[in-house]
Every structure is written in structure tokens, then in C-alpha cells.
Amino acid sequence: MKMQEIPFGTTDWHTIEPTEHPGQTGMAYWRTCQFGDIRVRMVDYSAGYLADHWCSKGHILFCLEGELHTELEDGRRFVLVPGMSYQVADEAEAHRSSTPIGARLFIVD
């Protein structure tokens, strides 16, 4: 990822209207900013959320609140709690998220 032609700025995430993205179960609420080719999101997952697809997009993801469960297509599983992150490249390892208690994430992709 190369960040260019992005002037200094601040983001008040409370002023960005969330969009709803239903999972197989539960709901994801995205607050999204686009900076050239870089998408930056604050995402809230409801308790009981399970993604409705395997994702192959690359991300840098940081858990702010709650607990995020990530399953890789090969069966490996990871749990993120506040202060933990993961990173994965585009088309590297398909993954899907779930959360039993809800989670708030900061995601760059």
C-alpha cells in the first residue's frame, strides 16, 4: 500500500453515518472514509454476527472493543480482543469473521 496525495486531515467518526451490512446472522455497521485507493472503516458488529461470505480482500484490522473470532478457510481460528490486530494480503488467505458478544474494529484496506 502506498499512501500518496492524501493531505493532512482529521476524522470525527461520530459524524459519519453508518451503513448496514447484514451477515449470515447479526449485523455489521460500517462508517467508511475513502482516501484514494485506501478504504478506512470503523466497524461495529452486533452480538451473534457471522459473516455471510469468505473474504479474500487484504486488511489491517485492529480490535478496539469486544471480541472478534476469525476463521481461515484452512480451518485455523484466531480470537482478537481489544489491543490486538491482524493483517492479511489481498488474495492470500480467505477468512471470515464472527463475534459472540459484539466487536468494534478499525480497518484499513
PDB file of N, CA and C in Angstrom:
ATOM      1  N   MET A   1       0.853  -1.163   0.000  1.00  0.00           N
ATOM      2  CA  MET A   1       0.000   0.000   0.000  1.00  0.00           C
ATOM      3  C   MET A   1       0.900   1.227   0.000  1.00  0.00           C
ATOM      4  N   LYS A   2       0.663   2.101  -0.939  1.00  0.00           N
ATOM      5  CA  LYS A   2       1.397   3.356  -0.984  1.00  0.00           C
ATOM      6  C   LYS A   2       0.391   4.478  -0.770  1.00  0.00           C
ATOM      7  N   MET A   3       0.654   5.286   0.240  1.00  0.00           N
ATOM      8  CA  MET A   3      -0.251   6.389   0.558  1.00  0.00           C
ATOM      9  C   MET A   3       0.319   7.662  -0.051  1.00  0.00           C
ATOM     10  N   GLN A   4      -0.429   8.216  -0.994  1.00  0.00           N
ATOM     11  CA  GLN A   4       0.024   9.452  -1.632  1.00  0.00           C
ATOM     12  C   GLN A   4      -1.170  10.328  -1.958  1.00  0.00           C
ATOM     13  N   GLU A   5      -0.888  11.620  -2.086  1.00  0.00           N
ATOM     14  CA  GLU A   5      -1.909  12.605  -2.409  1.00  0.00           C
ATOM     15  C   GLU A   5      -3.063  12.597  -1.418  1.00  0.00           C
ATOM     16  N   ILE A   6      -2.722  12.395  -0.134  1.00  0.00           N
ATOM     17  CA  ILE A   6      -3.709  12.491   0.939  1.00  0.00           C
ATOM     18  C   ILE A   6      -3.245  13.621   1.855  1.00  0.00           C
ATOM     19  N   PRO A   7      -3.914  14.770   1.821  1.00  0.00           N
ATOM     20  CA  PRO A   7      -3.497  15.859   2.699  1.00  0.00           C
ATOM     21  C   PRO A   7      -3.807  15.524   4.155  1.00  0.00           C
ATOM     22  N   PHE A   8      -3.105  16.205   5.064  1.00  0.00           N
ATOM     23  CA  PHE A   8      -3.380  16.002   6.477  1.00  0.00           C
ATOM     24  C   PHE A   8      -4.839  16.318   6.755  1.00  0.00           C
ATOM     25  N   GLY A   9      -5.464  15.503   7.554  1.00  0.00           N
ATOM     26  CA  GLY A   9      -6.853  15.734   7.926  1.00  0.00           C
ATOM     27  C   GLY A   9      -7.193  14.960   9.180  1.00  0.00           C
ATOM     28  N   THR A  10      -8.309  15.296   9.765  1.00  0.00           N
ATOM     29  CA  THR A  10      -8.815  14.567  10.924  1.00  0.00           C
ATOM     30  C   THR A  10     -10.178  13.988  10.574  1.00  0.00           C
ATOM     31  N   THR A  11     -10.557  12.952  11.282  1.00  0.00           N
ATOM     32  CA  THR A  11     -11.856  12.311  11.048  1.00  0.00           C
ATOM     33  C   THR A  11     -12.595  12.198  12.372  1.00  0.00           C
ATOM     34  N   ASP A  12     -13.788  12.758  12.435  1.00  0.00           N
ATOM     35  CA  ASP A  12     -14.674  12.581  13.585  1.00  0.00           C
ATOM     36  C   ASP A  12     -15.647  11.472  13.203  1.00  0.00           C
ATOM     37  N   TRP A  13     -15.342  10.260  13.649  1.00  0.00           N
ATOM     38  CA  TRP A  13     -16.116   9.088  13.238  1.00  0.00           C
ATOM     39  C   TRP A  13     -17.579   9.171  13.664  1.00  0.00           C
ATOM     40  N   HIS A  14     -17.889   9.958  14.682  1.00  0.00           N
ATOM     41  CA  HIS A  14     -19.278  10.102  15.128  1.00  0.00           C
ATOM     42  C   HIS A  14     -20.139  10.835  14.104  1.00  0.00           C
ATOM     43  N   THR A  15     -19.510  11.596  13.193  1.00  0.00           N
ATOM     44  CA  THR A  15     -20.280  12.366  12.220  1.00  0.00           C
ATOM     45  C   THR A  15     -20.537  11.593  10.929  1.00  0.00           C
ATOM     46  N   ILE A  16     -19.966  10.414  10.804  1.00  0.00           N
ATOM     47  CA  ILE A  16     -20.141   9.614   9.585  1.00  0.00           C
ATOM     48  C   ILE A  16     -21.297   8.647   9.794  1.00  0.00           C
ATOM     49  N   GLU A  17     -22.284   8.741   8.930  1.00  0.00           N
ATOM     50  CA  GLU A  17     -23.467   7.885   9.044  1.00  0.00           C
ATOM     51  C   GLU A  17     -23.102   6.428   8.757  1.00  0.00           C
ATOM     52  N   PRO A  18     -23.515   5.520   9.625  1.00  0.00           N
ATOM     53  CA  PRO A  18     -23.209   4.102   9.375  1.00  0.00           C
ATOM     54  C   PRO A  18     -24.096   3.523   8.274  1.00  0.00           C
ATOM     55  N   THR A  19     -23.533   2.555   7.555  1.00  0.00           N
ATOM     56  CA  THR A  19     -24.310   1.773   6.602  1.00  0.00           C
ATOM     57  C   THR A  19     -24.448   0.362   7.159  1.00  0.00           C
ATOM     58  N   GLU A  20     -25.579  -0.269   6.904  1.00  0.00           N
ATOM     59  CA  GLU A  20     -25.859  -1.603   7.448  1.00  0.00           C
ATOM     60  C   GLU A  20     -25.449  -2.682   6.450  1.00  0.00           C
ATOM     61  N   HIS A  21     -24.793  -3.725   6.990  1.00  0.00           N
ATOM     62  CA  HIS A  21     -24.345  -4.854   6.185  1.00  0.00           C
ATOM     63  C   HIS A  21     -24.708  -6.133   6.928  1.00  0.00           C
ATOM     64  N   PRO A  22     -25.819  -6.786   6.522  1.00  0.00           N
ATOM     65  CA  PRO A  22     -26.228  -7.992   7.238  1.00  0.00           C
ATOM     66  C   PRO A  22     -25.255  -9.142   7.023  1.00  0.00           C
ATOM     67  N   GLY A  23     -25.049  -9.908   8.062  1.00  0.00           N
ATOM     68  CA  GLY A  23     -24.270 -11.134   7.964  1.00  0.00           C
ATOM     69  C   GLY A  23     -25.206 -12.313   7.781  1.00  0.00           C
ATOM     70  N   GLN A  24     -24.644 -13.496   7.827  1.00  0.00           N
ATOM     71  CA  GLN A  24     -25.493 -14.695   7.846  1.00  0.00           C
ATOM     72  C   GLN A  24     -26.392 -14.615   9.074  1.00  0.00           C
ATOM     73  N   THR A  25     -25.805 -14.160  10.173  1.00  0.00           N
ATOM     74  CA  THR A  25     -26.556 -13.778  11.361  1.00  0.00           C
ATOM     75  C   THR A  25     -25.984 -12.452  11.840  1.00  0.00           C
ATOM     76  N   GLY A  26     -26.792 -11.648  12.482  1.00  0.00           N
ATOM     77  CA  GLY A  26     -26.332 -10.379  13.024  1.00  0.00           C
ATOM     78  C   GLY A  26     -26.110  -9.324  11.945  1.00  0.00           C
ATOM     79  N   MET A  27     -25.565  -8.189  12.389  1.00  0.00           N
ATOM     80  CA  MET A  27     -25.418  -7.036  11.511  1.00  0.00           C
ATOM     81  C   MET A  27     -24.062  -6.377  11.727  1.00  0.00           C
ATOM     82  N   ALA A  28     -23.503  -5.845  10.643  1.00  0.00           N
ATOM     83  CA  ALA A  28     -22.292  -5.023  10.706  1.00  0.00           C
ATOM     84  C   ALA A  28     -22.686  -3.598  10.331  1.00  0.00           C
ATOM     85  N   TYR A  29     -22.167  -2.644  11.066  1.00  0.00           N
ATOM     86  CA  TYR A  29     -22.415  -1.229  10.810  1.00  0.00           C
ATOM     87  C   TYR A  29     -21.083  -0.582  10.464  1.00  0.00           C
ATOM     88  N   TRP A  30     -20.961  -0.099   9.233  1.00  0.00           N
ATOM     89  CA  TRP A  30     -19.708   0.479   8.743  1.00  0.00           C
ATOM     90  C   TRP A  30     -19.809   1.988   8.703  1.00  0.00           C
ATOM     91  N   ARG A  31     -18.781   2.665   9.210  1.00  0.00           N
ATOM     92  CA  ARG A  31     -18.560   4.092   8.987  1.00  0.00           C
ATOM     93  C   ARG A  31     -17.299   4.136   8.119  1.00  0.00           C
ATOM     94  N   THR A  32     -17.417   4.650   6.913  1.00  0.00           N
ATOM     95  CA  THR A  32     -16.366   4.490   5.903  1.00  0.00           C
ATOM     96  C   THR A  32     -15.859   5.823   5.382  1.00  0.00           C
ATOM     97  N   CYS A  33     -14.535   5.925   5.254  1.00  0.00           N
ATOM     98  CA  CYS A  33     -13.876   7.042   4.574  1.00  0.00           C
ATOM     99  C   CYS A  33     -13.000   6.456   3.477  1.00  0.00           C
ATOM    100  N   GLN A  34     -12.975   7.128   2.346  1.00  0.00           N
ATOM    101  CA  GLN A  34     -12.153   6.686   1.228  1.00  0.00           C
ATOM    102  C   GLN A  34     -11.084   7.733   0.977  1.00  0.00           C
ATOM    103  N   PHE A  35      -9.833   7.303   0.925  1.00  0.00           N
ATOM    104  CA  PHE A  35      -8.700   8.183   0.655  1.00  0.00           C
ATOM    105  C   PHE A  35      -7.965   7.616  -0.548  1.00  0.00           C
ATOM    106  N   GLY A  36      -8.309   8.067  -1.749  1.00  0.00           N
ATOM    107  CA  GLY A  36      -7.752   7.477  -2.957  1.00  0.00           C
ATOM    108  C   GLY A  36      -8.157   6.012  -3.030  1.00  0.00           C
ATOM    109  N   ASP A  37      -7.169   5.119  -3.143  1.00  0.00           N
ATOM    110  CA  ASP A  37      -7.447   3.684  -3.206  1.00  0.00           C
ATOM    111  C   ASP A  37      -7.588   3.035  -1.828  1.00  0.00           C
ATOM    112  N   ILE A  38      -7.431   3.813  -0.763  1.00  0.00           N
ATOM    113  CA  ILE A  38      -7.421   3.254   0.588  1.00  0.00           C
ATOM    114  C   ILE A  38      -8.768   3.504   1.260  1.00  0.00           C
ATOM    115  N   ARG A  39      -9.384   2.415   1.701  1.00  0.00           N
ATOM    116  CA  ARG A  39     -10.649   2.493   2.429  1.00  0.00           C
ATOM    117  C   ARG A  39     -10.331   2.341   3.915  1.00  0.00           C
ATOM    118  N   VAL A  40     -10.880   3.235   4.727  1.00  0.00           N
ATOM    119  CA  VAL A  40     -10.690   3.189   6.173  1.00  0.00           C
ATOM    120  C   VAL A  40     -12.080   3.114   6.802  1.00  0.00           C
ATOM    121  N   ARG A  41     -12.254   2.147   7.729  1.00  0.00           N
ATOM    122  CA  ARG A  41     -13.591   1.939   8.304  1.00  0.00           C
ATOM    123  C   ARG A  41     -13.523   1.767   9.818  1.00  0.00           C
ATOM    124  N   MET A  42     -14.560   2.243  10.461  1.00  0.00           N
ATOM    125  CA  MET A  42     -14.854   1.896  11.840  1.00  0.00           C
ATOM    126  C   MET A  42     -16.071   0.977  11.721  1.00  0.00           C
ATOM    127  N   VAL A  43     -15.929  -0.262  12.184  1.00  0.00           N
ATOM    128  CA  VAL A  43     -16.990  -1.259  12.004  1.00  0.00           C
ATOM    129  C   VAL A  43     -17.436  -1.775  13.362  1.00  0.00           C
ATOM    130  N   ASP A  44     -18.746  -1.775  13.561  1.00  0.00           N
ATOM    131  CA  ASP A  44     -19.356  -2.363  14.753  1.00  0.00           C
ATOM    132  C   ASP A  44     -20.123  -3.604  14.343  1.00  0.00           C
ATOM    133  N   TYR A  45     -19.791  -4.733  14.965  1.00  0.00           N
ATOM    134  CA  TYR A  45     -20.527  -5.978  14.749  1.00  0.00           C
ATOM    135  C   TYR A  45     -21.453  -6.209  15.933  1.00  0.00           C
ATOM    136  N   SER A  46     -22.691  -6.586  15.643  1.00  0.00           N
ATOM    137  CA  SER A  46     -23.631  -6.920  16.711  1.00  0.00           C
ATOM    138  C   SER A  46     -23.254  -8.269  17.322  1.00  0.00           C
ATOM    139  N   ALA A  47     -23.704  -8.492  18.532  1.00  0.00           N
ATOM    140  CA  ALA A  47     -23.526  -9.809  19.160  1.00  0.00           C
ATOM    141  C   ALA A  47     -24.169 -10.858  18.271  1.00  0.00           C
ATOM    142  N   GLY A  48     -23.505 -11.984  18.110  1.00  0.00           N
ATOM    143  CA  GLY A  48     -24.023 -13.064  17.285  1.00  0.00           C
ATOM    144  C   GLY A  48     -23.756 -12.915  15.802  1.00  0.00           C
ATOM    145  N   TYR A  49     -22.955 -11.935  15.412  1.00  0.00           N
ATOM    146  CA  TYR A  49     -22.654 -11.729  13.994  1.00  0.00           C
ATOM    147  C   TYR A  49     -21.830 -12.887  13.434  1.00  0.00           C
ATOM    148  N   LEU A  50     -22.169 -13.323  12.216  1.00  0.00           N
ATOM    149  CA  LEU A  50     -21.385 -14.278  11.442  1.00  0.00           C
ATOM    150  C   LEU A  50     -21.392 -13.797  10.002  1.00  0.00           C
ATOM    151  N   ALA A  51     -20.214 -13.596   9.426  1.00  0.00           N
ATOM    152  CA  ALA A  51     -20.115 -13.136   8.037  1.00  0.00           C
ATOM    153  C   ALA A  51     -20.830 -14.104   7.103  1.00  0.00           C
ATOM    154  N   ASP A  52     -21.393 -13.558   6.035  1.00  0.00           N
ATOM    155  CA  ASP A  52     -22.128 -14.375   5.069  1.00  0.00           C
ATOM    156  C   ASP A  52     -21.258 -14.799   3.884  1.00  0.00           C
ATOM    157  N   HIS A  53     -19.933 -14.596   3.989  1.00  0.00           N
ATOM    158  CA  HIS A  53     -19.034 -14.950   2.884  1.00  0.00           C
ATOM    159  C   HIS A  53     -17.607 -15.125   3.411  1.00  0.00           C
ATOM    160  N   TRP A  54     -16.797 -15.793   2.604  1.00  0.00           N
ATOM    161  CA  TRP A  54     -15.355 -15.855   2.837  1.00  0.00           C
ATOM    162  C   TRP A  54     -14.760 -14.658   2.138  1.00  0.00           C
ATOM    163  N   CYS A  55     -13.926 -13.904   2.831  1.00  0.00           N
ATOM    164  CA  CYS A  55     -13.341 -12.682   2.293  1.00  0.00           C
ATOM    165  C   CYS A  55     -11.905 -12.947   1.848  1.00  0.00           C
ATOM    166  N   SER A  56     -11.543 -12.460   0.665  1.00  0.00           N
ATOM    167  CA  SER A  56     -10.166 -12.606   0.193  1.00  0.00           C
ATOM    168  C   SER A  56      -9.482 -11.244   0.030  1.00  0.00           C
ATOM    169  N   LYS A  57     -10.137 -10.196   0.514  1.00  0.00           N
ATOM    170  CA  LYS A  57      -9.562  -8.847   0.479  1.00  0.00           C
ATOM    171  C   LYS A  57      -8.524  -8.716   1.578  1.00  0.00           C
ATOM    172  N   GLY A  58      -7.447  -8.017   1.315  1.00  0.00           N
ATOM    173  CA  GLY A  58      -6.441  -7.753   2.328  1.00  0.00           C
ATOM    174  C   GLY A  58      -6.896  -6.673   3.292  1.00  0.00           C
ATOM    175  N   HIS A  59      -6.511  -6.803   4.536  1.00  0.00           N
ATOM    176  CA  HIS A  59      -6.884  -5.822   5.569  1.00  0.00           C
ATOM    177  C   HIS A  59      -5.757  -5.671   6.578  1.00  0.00           C
ATOM    178  N   ILE A  60      -5.762  -4.535   7.233  1.00  0.00           N
ATOM    179  CA  ILE A  60      -5.120  -4.374   8.530  1.00  0.00           C
ATOM    180  C   ILE A  60      -6.269  -4.027   9.458  1.00  0.00           C
ATOM    181  N   LEU A  61      -6.450  -4.844  10.472  1.00  0.00           N
ATOM    182  CA  LEU A  61      -7.624  -4.761  11.322  1.00  0.00           C
ATOM    183  C   LEU A  61      -7.176  -4.663  12.776  1.00  0.00           C
ATOM    184  N   PHE A  62      -7.739  -3.713  13.528  1.00  0.00           N
ATOM    185  CA  PHE A  62      -7.404  -3.501  14.929  1.00  0.00           C
ATOM    186  C   PHE A  62      -8.675  -3.570  15.752  1.00  0.00           C
ATOM    187  N   CYS A  63      -8.681  -4.415  16.782  1.00  0.00           N
ATOM    188  CA  CYS A  63      -9.847  -4.591  17.652  1.00  0.00           C
ATOM    189  C   CYS A  63      -9.821  -3.530  18.757  1.00  0.00           C
ATOM    190  N   LEU A  64     -10.864  -2.720  18.798  1.00  0.00           N
ATOM    191  CA  LEU A  64     -10.991  -1.664  19.801  1.00  0.00           C
ATOM    192  C   LEU A  64     -11.819  -2.099  21.000  1.00  0.00           C
ATOM    193  N   GLU A  65     -12.878  -2.861  20.738  1.00  0.00           N
ATOM    194  CA  GLU A  65     -13.789  -3.306  21.790  1.00  0.00           C
ATOM    195  C   GLU A  65     -14.325  -4.685  21.444  1.00  0.00           C
ATOM    196  N   GLY A  66     -14.749  -5.413  22.459  1.00  0.00           N
ATOM    197  CA  GLY A  66     -15.405  -6.692  22.246  1.00  0.00           C
ATOM    198  C   GLY A  66     -14.437  -7.818  21.962  1.00  0.00           C
ATOM    199  N   GLU A  67     -14.888  -8.737  21.101  1.00  0.00           N
ATOM    200  CA  GLU A  67     -14.108  -9.940  20.793  1.00  0.00           C
ATOM    201  C   GLU A  67     -14.446 -10.372  19.376  1.00  0.00           C
ATOM    202  N   LEU A  68     -13.425 -10.517  18.539  1.00  0.00           N
ATOM    203  CA  LEU A  68     -13.623 -10.925  17.158  1.00  0.00           C
ATOM    204  C   LEU A  68     -13.015 -12.305  16.943  1.00  0.00           C
ATOM    205  N   HIS A  69     -13.792 -13.214  16.383  1.00  0.00           N
ATOM    206  CA  HIS A  69     -13.318 -14.545  16.020  1.00  0.00           C
ATOM    207  C   HIS A  69     -13.103 -14.553  14.513  1.00  0.00           C
ATOM    208  N   THR A  70     -11.929 -14.970  14.090  1.00  0.00           N
ATOM    209  CA  THR A  70     -11.609 -15.048  12.667  1.00  0.00           C
ATOM    210  C   THR A  70     -11.226 -16.475  12.332  1.00  0.00           C
ATOM    211  N   GLU A  71     -11.901 -17.001  11.331  1.00  0.00           N
ATOM    212  CA  GLU A  71     -11.629 -18.361  10.857  1.00  0.00           C
ATOM    213  C   GLU A  71     -11.035 -18.260   9.461  1.00  0.00           C
ATOM    214  N   LEU A  72      -9.932 -18.978   9.236  1.00  0.00           N
ATOM    215  CA  LEU A  72      -9.366 -19.064   7.893  1.00  0.00           C
ATOM    216  C   LEU A  72      -9.971 -20.263   7.180  1.00  0.00           C
ATOM    217  N   GLU A  73     -10.000 -20.204   5.876  1.00  0.00           N
ATOM    218  CA  GLU A  73     -10.624 -21.272   5.093  1.00  0.00           C
ATOM    219  C   GLU A  73      -9.954 -22.621   5.332  1.00  0.00           C
ATOM    220  N   ASP A  74      -8.681 -22.604   5.737  1.00  0.00           N
ATOM    221  CA  ASP A  74      -7.977 -23.858   6.015  1.00  0.00           C
ATOM    222  C   ASP A  74      -8.283 -24.419   7.410  1.00  0.00           C
ATOM    223  N   GLY A  75      -9.164 -23.746   8.155  1.00  0.00           N
ATOM    224  CA  GLY A  75      -9.595 -24.247   9.458  1.00  0.00           C
ATOM    225  C   GLY A  75      -8.949 -23.584  10.657  1.00  0.00           C
ATOM    226  N   ARG A  76      -7.869 -22.853  10.476  1.00  0.00           N
ATOM    227  CA  ARG A  76      -7.260 -22.164  11.618  1.00  0.00           C
ATOM    228  C   ARG A  76      -8.206 -21.096  12.143  1.00  0.00           C
ATOM    229  N   ARG A  77      -8.139 -20.878  13.460  1.00  0.00           N
ATOM    230  CA  ARG A  77      -9.020 -19.906  14.110  1.00  0.00           C
ATOM    231  C   ARG A  77      -8.198 -19.001  15.027  1.00  0.00           C
ATOM    232  N   PHE A  78      -8.626 -17.743  15.099  1.00  0.00           N
ATOM    233  CA  PHE A  78      -7.949 -16.746  15.916  1.00  0.00           C
ATOM    234  C   PHE A  78      -8.997 -15.912  16.640  1.00  0.00           C
ATOM    235  N   VAL A  79      -8.669 -15.454  17.839  1.00  0.00           N
ATOM    236  CA  VAL A  79      -9.554 -14.581  18.611  1.00  0.00           C
ATOM    237  C   VAL A  79      -8.803 -13.290  18.901  1.00  0.00           C
ATOM    238  N   LEU A  80      -9.411 -12.182  18.534  1.00  0.00           N
ATOM    239  CA  LEU A  80      -8.849 -10.870  18.827  1.00  0.00           C
ATOM    240  C   LEU A  80      -9.663 -10.216  19.936  1.00  0.00           C
ATOM    241  N   VAL A  81      -8.965  -9.621  20.873  1.00  0.00           N
ATOM    242  CA  VAL A  81      -9.566  -8.833  21.943  1.00  0.00           C
ATOM    243  C   VAL A  81      -8.972  -7.430  21.845  1.00  0.00           C
ATOM    244  N   PRO A  82      -9.521  -6.466  22.570  1.00  0.00           N
ATOM    245  CA  PRO A  82      -9.012  -5.097  22.448  1.00  0.00           C
ATOM    246  C   PRO A  82      -7.494  -5.017  22.582  1.00  0.00           C
ATOM    247  N   GLY A  83      -6.907  -4.265  21.651  1.00  0.00           N
ATOM    248  CA  GLY A  83      -5.461  -4.091  21.620  1.00  0.00           C
ATOM    249  C   GLY A  83      -4.757  -5.038  20.674  1.00  0.00           C
ATOM    250  N   MET A  84      -5.481  -5.992  20.090  1.00  0.00           N
ATOM    251  CA  MET A  84      -4.893  -6.952  19.142  1.00  0.00           C
ATOM    252  C   MET A  84      -5.282  -6.575  17.712  1.00  0.00           C
ATOM    253  N   SER A  85      -4.456  -7.013  16.762  1.00  0.00           N
ATOM    254  CA  SER A  85      -4.732  -6.750  15.357  1.00  0.00           C
ATOM    255  C   SER A  85      -4.364  -7.968  14.523  1.00  0.00           C
ATOM    256  N   TYR A  86      -4.801  -7.950  13.267  1.00  0.00           N
ATOM    257  CA  TYR A  86      -4.271  -8.894  12.290  1.00  0.00           C
ATOM    258  C   TYR A  86      -4.078  -8.172  10.972  1.00  0.00           C
ATOM    259  N   GLN A  87      -3.275  -8.767  10.134  1.00  0.00           N
ATOM    260  CA  GLN A  87      -3.028  -8.252   8.805  1.00  0.00           C
ATOM    261  C   GLN A  87      -2.964  -9.427   7.842  1.00  0.00           C
ATOM    262  N   VAL A  88      -3.508  -9.219   6.658  1.00  0.00           N
ATOM    263  CA  VAL A  88      -3.508 -10.253   5.627  1.00  0.00           C
ATOM    264  C   VAL A  88      -3.508  -9.561   4.269  1.00  0.00           C
ATOM    265  N   ALA A  89      -2.798 -10.122   3.310  1.00  0.00           N
ATOM    266  CA  ALA A  89      -2.701  -9.539   1.972  1.00  0.00           C
ATOM    267  C   ALA A  89      -3.910  -9.917   1.116  1.00  0.00           C
ATOM    268  N   ASP A  90      -4.127  -9.155   0.074  1.00  0.00           N
ATOM    269  CA  ASP A  90      -5.153  -9.483  -0.913  1.00  0.00           C
ATOM    270  C   ASP A  90      -4.890 -10.881  -1.474  1.00  0.00           C
ATOM    271  N   GLU A  91      -5.946 -11.664  -1.582  1.00  0.00           N
ATOM    272  CA  GLU A  91      -5.901 -12.998  -2.188  1.00  0.00           C
ATOM    273  C   GLU A  91      -4.956 -13.974  -1.477  1.00  0.00           C
ATOM    274  N   ALA A  92      -4.567 -13.679  -0.228  1.00  0.00           N
ATOM    275  CA  ALA A  92      -3.604 -14.538   0.470  1.00  0.00           C
ATOM    276  C   ALA A  92      -4.288 -15.699   1.182  1.00  0.00           C
ATOM    277  N   GLU A  93      -5.183 -15.407   2.089  1.00  0.00           N
ATOM    278  CA  GLU A  93      -5.851 -16.447   2.875  1.00  0.00           C
ATOM    279  C   GLU A  93      -7.287 -16.013   3.135  1.00  0.00           C
ATOM    280  N   ALA A  94      -8.229 -16.723   2.555  1.00  0.00           N
ATOM    281  CA  ALA A  94      -9.636 -16.388   2.747  1.00  0.00           C
ATOM    282  C   ALA A  94      -9.990 -16.521   4.225  1.00  0.00           C
ATOM    283  N   HIS A  95     -10.815 -15.596   4.701  1.00  0.00           N
ATOM    284  CA  HIS A  95     -11.148 -15.531   6.118  1.00  0.00           C
ATOM    285  C   HIS A  95     -12.594 -15.061   6.276  1.00  0.00           C
ATOM    286  N   ARG A  96     -13.172 -15.362   7.438  1.00  0.00           N
ATOM    287  CA  ARG A  96     -14.492 -14.833   7.769  1.00  0.00           C
ATOM    288  C   ARG A  96     -14.541 -14.560   9.260  1.00  0.00           C
ATOM    289  N   SER A  97     -15.372 -13.600   9.618  1.00  0.00           N
ATOM    290  CA  SER A  97     -15.432 -13.126  10.992  1.00  0.00           C
ATOM    291  C   SER A  97     -16.745 -13.488  11.650  1.00  0.00           C
ATOM    292  N   SER A  98     -16.675 -13.605  12.968  1.00  0.00           N
ATOM    293  CA  SER A  98     -17.867 -13.769  13.791  1.00  0.00           C
ATOM    294  C   SER A  98     -17.560 -13.181  15.160  1.00  0.00           C
ATOM    295  N   THR A  99     -18.608 -12.961  15.932  1.00  0.00           N
ATOM    296  CA  THR A  99     -18.416 -12.495  17.296  1.00  0.00           C
ATOM    297  C   THR A  99     -19.606 -12.897  18.157  1.00  0.00           C
ATOM    298  N   PRO A 100     -19.347 -13.537  19.277  1.00  0.00           N
ATOM    299  CA  PRO A 100     -20.453 -13.902  20.155  1.00  0.00           C
ATOM    300  C   PRO A 100     -20.985 -12.707  20.949  1.00  0.00           C
ATOM    301  N   ILE A 101     -20.123 -11.716  21.240  1.00  0.00           N
ATOM    302  CA  ILE A 101     -20.518 -10.615  22.138  1.00  0.00           C
ATOM    303  C   ILE A 101     -20.541  -9.259  21.467  1.00  0.00           C
ATOM    304  N   GLY A 102     -20.148  -9.178  20.204  1.00  0.00           N
ATOM    305  CA  GLY A 102     -20.053  -7.894  19.511  1.00  0.00           C
ATOM    306  C   GLY A 102     -18.599  -7.426  19.502  1.00  0.00           C
ATOM    307  N   ALA A 103     -18.293  -6.527  18.578  1.00  0.00           N
ATOM    308  CA  ALA A 103     -16.937  -6.012  18.465  1.00  0.00           C
ATOM    309  C   ALA A 103     -16.952  -4.684  17.738  1.00  0.00           C
ATOM    310  N   ARG A 104     -15.973  -3.840  18.063  1.00  0.00           N
ATOM    311  CA  ARG A 104     -15.720  -2.595  17.312  1.00  0.00           C
ATOM    312  C   ARG A 104     -14.310  -2.700  16.773  1.00  0.00           C
ATOM    313  N   LEU A 105     -14.170  -2.474  15.459  1.00  0.00           N
ATOM    314  CA  LEU A 105     -12.894  -2.642  14.768  1.00  0.00           C
ATOM    315  C   LEU A 105     -12.547  -1.378  13.993  1.00  0.00           C
ATOM    316  N   PHE A 106     -11.256  -1.134  13.835  1.00  0.00           N
ATOM    317  CA  PHE A 106     -10.733  -0.114  12.931  1.00  0.00           C
ATOM    318  C   PHE A 106     -10.030  -0.874  11.819  1.00  0.00           C
ATOM    319  N   ILE A 107     -10.438  -0.656  10.576  1.00  0.00           N
ATOM    320  CA  ILE A 107      -9.962  -1.475   9.451  1.00  0.00           C
ATOM    321  C   ILE A 107      -9.446  -0.569   8.336  1.00  0.00           C
ATOM    322  N   VAL A 108      -8.280  -0.937   7.818  1.00  0.00           N
ATOM    323  CA  VAL A 108      -7.703  -0.254   6.659  1.00  0.00           C
ATOM    324  C   VAL A 108      -7.539  -1.289   5.558  1.00  0.00           C
ATOM    325  N   ASP A 109      -8.096  -0.996   4.393  1.00  0.00           N
ATOM    326  CA  ASP A 109      -7.933  -1.913   3.257  1.00  0.00           C
ATOM    327  C   ASP A 109      -8.045  -1.188   1.935  1.00  0.00           C
TER     328      ASP A 109
END
